[in-house]
């Protein structure tokens, strides 16, 4: 009897100890982490792609002499604004003038010969062949004189366009010719500036979806407005438009050249400057997911989606674009899907959380 009572007592004690341990374990189990969540909603967003650019004036015209000679006068200064037809340089023409005088004399002699032969032919004293030969010599003399006179005219070098004078490497007294190493100067028309830049084939296809091309040329009405970031980091106050898309892709780099035009009424931009072009891309009905709400698993960006019962599961993202802070996703979610927006680096698939809206 004692043995039975002792056995019952021991069993009771063990049972109480077991219940106590379970209660203690339950009391020490940590609660699910309280993490912020966000509900996804479709929206429209405009993102900007940036490309390095080099600026060129509307026209950069090199000024070369058509004849050889010494620089006699320079009528402009470097950086000066000039008009089309304005005199820039004058070359020394003393030798040409002497040649012109000699050619003029030859014309007079040939003319006298023709005048002398005309009545003789009319009277039948000489044949018409002699007269025609004399007329040919006269024409040759006139051509020689006109050529020399034209060269004298070429000694006055004028600007072919409105613009600004560049560097003038040759000074008064320098001997110049059409075969020299560099031009007399350059006249740059910067009333409008052209920004040249490149993008890859994929980016070009995405951009063309938002543009209308007419016979391979960008339609000015459909061309997106672009922004120029100047070398000092400031945005140029006037927006530009894409005016040219090269249809030939560089086989080596896989890129294509484009051009955006900017009006430059205050000549703030200069030819040869550099900067960056910002091109907008608009996405309609997409998901905008903060980058801090994603994790990188084996090179794939993923988010934690909240399921019934407050457990989470990973879902990969199909990213079509991104900004400095967000990923743009076109598909893969239902309206109202809830994702975890903080503490995602410490979560694991299937874990339960306490969501905070």
Protein backbone atom coordinates (compact mmCIF):
# COMPACT_ATOMS: atom_id res chain seq x y z
CA UNK A 1 0.00 0.00 0.00
CA UNK A 2 2.85 2.35 0.91
CA UNK A 3 4.48 1.57 -2.40
CA UNK A 4 1.35 2.54 -4.31
CA UNK A 5 1.03 5.85 -2.43
CA UNK A 6 4.69 6.62 -3.00
CA UNK A 7 4.36 5.93 -6.72
CA UNK A 8 1.31 8.21 -7.01
CA UNK A 9 3.13 11.00 -5.18
CA UNK A 10 6.17 10.80 -7.43
CA UNK A 11 3.98 10.82 -10.55
CA UNK A 12 2.13 13.87 -9.31
CA UNK A 13 5.38 15.74 -8.66
CA UNK A 14 6.73 14.86 -12.12
CA UNK A 15 3.50 15.98 -13.76
CA UNK A 16 3.60 19.32 -11.97
CA UNK A 17 7.25 19.81 -12.90
CA UNK A 18 6.48 19.03 -16.55
CA UNK A 19 3.63 21.56 -16.69
CA UNK A 20 5.84 24.15 -15.08
CA UNK A 21 8.55 23.68 -17.69
CA UNK A 22 6.04 24.04 -20.52
CA UNK A 23 4.62 27.21 -19.02
CA UNK A 24 8.15 28.59 -18.58
CA UNK A 25 9.05 27.76 -22.20
CA UNK A 26 5.88 29.40 -23.47
CA UNK A 27 6.57 32.46 -21.38
CA UNK A 28 10.16 32.76 -22.74
CA UNK A 29 9.29 32.35 -26.50
CA UNK A 30 9.83 35.74 -28.30
CA UNK A 31 6.83 37.38 -29.97
CA UNK A 32 6.82 37.79 -33.78
CA UNK A 33 8.70 40.96 -34.87
CA UNK A 34 6.59 44.06 -35.37
CA UNK A 35 7.48 45.34 -38.84
CA UNK A 36 6.03 48.05 -41.06
CA UNK A 37 4.20 46.94 -44.19
CA UNK A 38 2.89 48.83 -47.22
CA UNK A 39 0.09 48.20 -49.68
CA UNK A 40 1.01 48.30 -53.36
CA UNK A 41 -1.07 50.42 -55.71
CA UNK A 42 -0.61 50.94 -59.43
CA UNK A 43 0.55 54.41 -60.42
CA UNK A 44 2.11 56.43 -63.22
CA UNK A 45 5.68 57.60 -62.83
CA UNK A 46 8.28 59.49 -64.88
CA UNK A 47 11.93 58.54 -64.50
CA UNK A 48 14.99 60.19 -66.02
CA UNK A 49 17.95 58.58 -67.75
CA UNK A 50 21.18 60.57 -67.85
CA UNK A 51 23.78 60.59 -70.65
CA UNK A 52 27.10 62.40 -71.04
CA UNK A 53 27.01 64.97 -73.85
CA UNK A 54 29.28 67.24 -75.86
CA UNK A 55 27.97 70.58 -77.11
CA UNK A 56 28.57 71.99 -80.57
CA UNK A 57 27.44 75.26 -82.10
CA UNK A 58 24.84 75.27 -84.84
CA UNK A 59 27.65 75.99 -87.27
CA UNK A 60 31.40 75.84 -86.72
CA UNK A 61 32.92 77.16 -89.94
CA UNK A 62 36.66 77.00 -90.50
CA UNK A 63 38.05 80.02 -92.35
CA UNK A 64 40.71 79.10 -94.94
CA UNK A 65 42.45 81.33 -97.51
CA UNK A 66 41.78 80.49 -101.14
CA UNK A 67 45.05 82.03 -102.28
CA UNK A 68 48.54 82.24 -100.86
CA UNK A 69 49.81 85.50 -99.44
CA UNK A 70 50.99 87.43 -96.42
CA UNK A 71 48.41 88.54 -93.83
CA UNK A 72 48.22 92.28 -94.36
CA UNK A 73 45.39 93.21 -91.99
CA UNK A 74 43.29 91.49 -89.30
CA UNK A 75 40.02 93.32 -88.70
CA UNK A 76 38.58 91.27 -85.79
CA UNK A 77 39.53 90.10 -82.31
CA UNK A 78 39.29 86.62 -80.84
CA UNK A 79 35.85 86.10 -79.28
CA UNK A 80 34.30 88.98 -81.22
CA UNK A 81 30.78 88.62 -82.58
CA UNK A 82 30.64 89.06 -86.37
CA UNK A 83 27.98 89.22 -89.05
CA UNK A 84 27.76 87.28 -92.29
CA UNK A 85 29.80 89.09 -94.98
CA UNK A 86 31.90 91.05 -92.47
CA UNK A 87 35.56 91.53 -93.49
CA UNK A 88 37.87 89.43 -91.31
CA UNK A 89 41.30 89.36 -93.01
CA UNK A 90 43.08 90.99 -95.93
CA UNK A 91 46.03 89.33 -97.65
CA UNK A 92 48.83 91.21 -99.41
CA UNK A 93 48.11 91.33 -103.17
CA UNK A 94 51.01 93.29 -104.64
CA UNK A 95 52.27 90.36 -106.74
CA UNK A 96 48.73 89.53 -107.84
CA UNK A 97 48.15 93.14 -108.80
CA UNK A 98 51.24 93.09 -111.00
CA UNK A 99 50.05 89.85 -112.60
CA UNK A 100 46.64 91.42 -113.17
CA UNK A 101 48.20 94.44 -114.89
CA UNK A 102 50.19 92.16 -117.17
CA UNK A 103 47.10 90.10 -117.96
CA UNK A 104 45.13 93.25 -118.70
CA UNK A 105 47.79 94.34 -121.14
CA UNK A 106 47.64 90.97 -122.87
CA UNK A 107 43.89 91.41 -123.26
CA UNK A 108 44.39 94.81 -124.85
CA UNK A 109 46.98 93.45 -127.29
CA UNK A 110 44.72 90.56 -128.27
CA UNK A 111 41.81 92.93 -128.75
CA UNK A 112 43.88 95.16 -131.05
CA UNK A 113 44.82 92.11 -133.12
CA UNK A 114 41.19 91.09 -133.52
CA UNK A 115 40.13 94.59 -134.45
CA UNK A 116 42.88 94.73 -137.10
CA UNK A 117 41.92 91.42 -138.69
CA UNK A 118 38.16 91.98 -138.90
CA UNK A 119 38.22 94.41 -141.90
CA UNK A 120 40.84 92.31 -143.69
CA UNK A 121 38.59 89.28 -143.49
CA UNK A 122 35.60 91.29 -144.68
CA UNK A 123 37.61 92.38 -147.76
CA UNK A 124 38.76 88.82 -148.36
CA UNK A 125 42.40 89.68 -147.96
CA UNK A 126 42.99 87.01 -145.29
CA UNK A 127 41.12 83.90 -144.38
CA UNK A 128 38.60 83.71 -141.54
CA UNK A 129 40.83 81.13 -139.83
CA UNK A 130 43.29 83.82 -138.83
CA UNK A 131 40.52 85.91 -137.30
CA UNK A 132 39.13 82.97 -135.33
CA UNK A 133 42.61 82.21 -134.07
CA UNK A 134 43.00 85.80 -132.90
CA UNK A 135 39.60 85.71 -131.18
CA UNK A 136 40.65 82.52 -129.35
CA UNK A 137 43.80 84.26 -128.10
CA UNK A 138 41.64 87.19 -126.91
CA UNK A 139 39.32 84.86 -125.02
CA UNK A 140 42.26 83.11 -123.41
CA UNK A 141 43.73 86.45 -122.32
CA UNK A 142 40.40 87.53 -120.83
CA UNK A 143 40.10 84.25 -118.88
CA UNK A 144 43.57 84.66 -117.45
CA UNK A 145 42.78 88.23 -116.39
CA UNK A 146 39.47 87.23 -114.79
CA UNK A 147 41.16 84.43 -112.86
CA UNK A 148 43.81 86.77 -111.47
CA UNK A 149 41.15 89.37 -110.63
CA UNK A 150 39.16 86.73 -108.76
CA UNK A 151 42.24 85.79 -106.76
CA UNK A 152 42.67 89.44 -105.82
CA UNK A 153 39.09 89.37 -104.60
CA UNK A 154 39.85 86.26 -102.55
CA UNK A 155 42.46 88.24 -100.66
CA UNK A 156 39.56 89.91 -98.82
CA UNK A 157 38.32 87.15 -96.50
CA UNK A 158 34.81 87.63 -95.08
CA UNK A 159 32.69 85.67 -92.60
CA UNK A 160 30.30 83.19 -94.25
CA UNK A 161 27.93 83.15 -91.23
CA UNK A 162 26.91 85.08 -88.15
CA UNK A 163 28.84 83.93 -85.10
CA UNK A 164 31.80 84.36 -82.81
CA UNK A 165 35.47 84.43 -83.79
CA UNK A 166 37.64 81.66 -82.35
CA UNK A 167 41.40 81.56 -81.93
CA UNK A 168 43.49 83.45 -84.50
CA UNK A 169 46.82 81.58 -84.73
CA UNK A 170 48.30 83.64 -87.60
CA UNK A 171 49.21 87.26 -87.01
CA UNK A 172 49.88 90.11 -89.42
CA UNK A 173 52.86 89.35 -91.67
CA UNK A 174 52.40 85.57 -91.57
CA UNK A 175 52.48 83.71 -94.88
CA UNK A 176 49.30 81.66 -95.31
CA UNK A 177 47.91 79.34 -97.96
CA UNK A 178 45.11 76.86 -98.56
CA UNK A 179 47.47 73.97 -97.72
CA UNK A 180 48.59 75.17 -94.26
CA UNK A 181 48.11 73.04 -91.13
CA UNK A 182 45.28 74.98 -89.47
CA UNK A 183 42.70 77.57 -90.56
CA UNK A 184 42.97 81.30 -90.12
CA UNK A 185 40.22 81.06 -87.50
CA UNK A 186 36.81 79.52 -86.89
CA UNK A 187 33.43 81.27 -86.78
CA UNK A 188 31.00 79.56 -84.43
CA UNK A 189 27.26 80.19 -84.61
CA UNK A 190 25.99 79.39 -81.09
CA UNK A 191 22.53 80.94 -81.35
CA UNK A 192 21.44 77.31 -81.13
CA UNK A 193 23.53 74.59 -79.50
CA UNK A 194 23.49 70.92 -80.44
CA UNK A 195 24.11 68.33 -77.73
CA UNK A 196 25.42 64.98 -79.02
CA UNK A 197 25.15 61.88 -76.83
CA UNK A 198 24.94 58.08 -77.09
CA UNK A 199 22.74 55.33 -75.68
CA UNK A 200 22.64 51.56 -76.07
CA UNK A 201 20.28 49.67 -78.34
CA UNK A 202 17.89 48.61 -75.57
CA UNK A 203 17.54 52.17 -74.29
CA UNK A 204 16.95 53.38 -77.85
CA UNK A 205 14.09 50.90 -78.35
CA UNK A 206 12.43 52.02 -75.12
CA UNK A 207 12.75 55.68 -76.09
CA UNK A 208 11.39 55.14 -79.60
CA UNK A 209 8.19 53.73 -78.11
CA UNK A 210 7.49 57.24 -76.82
CA UNK A 211 8.42 59.05 -80.03
CA UNK A 212 7.06 59.35 -83.55
CA UNK A 213 9.54 59.02 -86.40
CA UNK A 214 8.77 60.39 -89.87
CA UNK A 215 10.91 58.65 -92.50
CA UNK A 216 13.48 57.89 -89.83
CA UNK A 217 13.48 61.50 -88.58
CA UNK A 218 12.23 62.54 -85.18
CA UNK A 219 8.93 64.38 -85.32
CA UNK A 220 9.39 67.69 -83.51
CA UNK A 221 5.83 67.55 -82.20
CA UNK A 222 6.29 64.11 -80.62
CA UNK A 223 9.89 64.55 -79.49
CA UNK A 224 10.19 64.51 -75.69
CA UNK A 225 11.56 67.57 -73.96
CA UNK A 226 14.99 66.93 -72.49
CA UNK A 227 16.99 68.74 -69.85
CA UNK A 228 20.64 69.79 -69.98
CA UNK A 229 22.75 69.66 -66.82
CA UNK A 230 25.69 71.99 -67.33
CA UNK A 231 29.26 71.26 -66.25
CA UNK A 232 28.71 73.17 -62.98
CA UNK A 233 25.84 70.85 -62.03
CA UNK A 234 23.11 73.41 -62.66
CA UNK A 235 20.17 72.79 -64.98
CA UNK A 236 20.13 74.91 -68.15
CA UNK A 237 17.00 77.10 -67.89
CA UNK A 238 15.63 76.20 -71.33
CA UNK A 239 14.44 72.72 -72.25
CA UNK A 240 15.58 71.15 -75.51
CA UNK A 241 14.20 68.56 -77.92
CA UNK A 242 15.68 65.51 -79.57
CA UNK A 243 16.22 66.47 -83.20
CA UNK A 244 18.19 63.54 -84.61
CA UNK A 245 18.44 59.79 -84.06
CA UNK A 246 21.17 58.02 -86.01
CA UNK A 247 19.73 54.82 -87.50
CA UNK A 248 23.17 53.17 -87.66
CA UNK A 249 24.27 51.31 -84.52
CA UNK A 250 28.00 51.23 -83.82
CA UNK A 251 29.01 47.58 -84.23
CA UNK A 252 31.92 47.95 -81.80
CA UNK A 253 30.21 49.72 -78.91
CA UNK A 254 26.59 48.72 -79.59
CA UNK A 255 25.54 52.35 -79.13
CA UNK A 256 23.79 54.90 -81.30
CA UNK A 257 24.27 58.67 -81.52
CA UNK A 258 21.49 61.17 -80.88
CA UNK A 259 21.28 64.96 -80.93
CA UNK A 260 19.23 67.36 -78.84
CA UNK A 261 18.91 71.04 -79.78
CA UNK A 262 18.80 73.91 -77.30
CA UNK A 263 18.13 77.58 -78.01
CA UNK A 264 20.96 79.76 -76.69
CA UNK A 265 19.76 83.38 -76.81
CA UNK A 266 22.05 84.57 -73.99
CA UNK A 267 25.09 82.62 -75.28
CA UNK A 268 25.37 80.89 -71.90
CA UNK A 269 26.38 77.68 -73.67
CA UNK A 270 29.57 77.47 -75.68
CA UNK A 271 30.73 75.14 -78.42
CA UNK A 272 32.96 72.37 -77.09
CA UNK A 273 31.45 72.35 -73.59
CA UNK A 274 30.34 69.15 -71.85
CA UNK A 275 27.41 68.24 -69.63
CA UNK A 276 24.66 65.68 -69.15
CA UNK A 277 21.35 65.11 -70.92
CA UNK A 278 18.33 64.00 -68.86
CA UNK A 279 15.64 62.19 -70.87
CA UNK A 280 12.23 61.43 -69.32
CA UNK A 281 10.54 58.03 -69.60
CA UNK A 282 6.91 57.71 -68.49
CA UNK A 283 5.56 54.39 -67.18
CA UNK A 284 1.81 53.99 -66.73
CA UNK A 285 0.10 51.55 -64.35
CA UNK A 286 3.22 50.21 -62.67
CA UNK A 287 4.30 49.26 -59.17
CA UNK A 288 6.80 51.54 -57.45
CA UNK A 289 8.74 49.60 -54.80
CA UNK A 290 11.29 51.28 -52.49
CA UNK A 291 14.76 49.81 -52.82
CA UNK A 292 15.07 49.53 -49.04
CA UNK A 293 12.11 47.08 -49.05
CA UNK A 294 13.99 44.57 -51.23
CA UNK A 295 16.60 41.88 -50.64
CA UNK A 296 19.14 40.47 -53.08
CA UNK A 297 19.08 36.67 -53.32
CA UNK A 298 21.60 35.24 -55.76
CA UNK A 299 21.45 38.33 -57.95
CA UNK A 300 17.65 38.58 -57.99
CA UNK A 301 15.82 41.42 -56.27
CA UNK A 302 12.96 40.13 -54.09
CA UNK A 303 10.37 41.41 -51.63
CA UNK A 304 8.56 39.74 -48.74
CA UNK A 305 4.82 39.48 -49.42
CA UNK A 306 2.43 39.26 -46.45
CA UNK A 307 0.08 36.24 -46.56
CA UNK A 308 -2.94 35.21 -44.51
CA UNK A 309 -1.92 34.45 -40.95
CA UNK A 310 0.70 37.21 -41.09
CA UNK A 311 3.40 34.95 -42.50
CA UNK A 312 5.68 36.18 -45.28
CA UNK A 313 6.99 34.69 -48.50
CA UNK A 314 9.56 35.95 -50.99
CA UNK A 315 8.60 37.11 -54.48
CA UNK A 316 11.05 38.06 -57.26
CA UNK A 317 10.75 41.42 -59.04
CA UNK A 318 10.54 41.97 -62.79
CA UNK A 319 12.25 45.39 -62.89
CA UNK A 320 11.77 47.57 -65.98
CA UNK A 321 13.45 50.73 -64.66
CA UNK A 322 14.72 52.31 -61.49
CA UNK A 323 15.33 55.65 -59.86
CA UNK A 324 17.83 56.54 -57.16
CA UNK A 325 15.40 55.24 -54.52
CA UNK A 326 12.83 52.96 -56.20
CA UNK A 327 12.42 50.00 -58.52
CA UNK A 328 9.75 50.19 -61.25
CA UNK A 329 7.90 46.87 -61.71
CA UNK A 330 5.41 46.33 -64.54
CA UNK A 331 3.83 43.00 -63.52
CA UNK A 332 3.73 40.21 -60.96
CA UNK A 333 1.46 41.73 -58.28
CA UNK A 334 -2.25 42.09 -57.62
CA UNK A 335 -3.80 45.39 -56.64
CA UNK A 336 -3.64 45.70 -52.86
CA UNK A 337 -0.74 43.28 -52.34
CA UNK A 338 1.00 44.01 -49.03
CA UNK A 339 4.78 43.80 -48.69
CA UNK A 340 7.13 44.24 -45.74
CA UNK A 341 8.81 47.62 -45.92
CA UNK A 342 11.38 47.43 -43.10
CA UNK A 343 13.72 44.95 -41.48
CA UNK A 344 13.66 42.71 -44.56
CA UNK A 345 17.34 41.77 -44.27
CA UNK A 346 16.63 39.69 -41.14
CA UNK A 347 13.47 37.93 -42.35
CA UNK A 348 13.23 34.36 -43.64
CA UNK A 349 10.68 32.72 -45.89
CA UNK A 350 7.61 31.52 -43.97
CA UNK A 351 8.31 33.62 -40.88
CA UNK A 352 5.39 35.19 -39.00
CA UNK A 353 5.43 38.90 -38.22
CA UNK A 354 3.25 41.42 -36.48
CA UNK A 355 2.42 43.87 -39.31
CA UNK A 356 2.28 47.61 -38.64
CA UNK A 357 0.44 49.72 -41.19
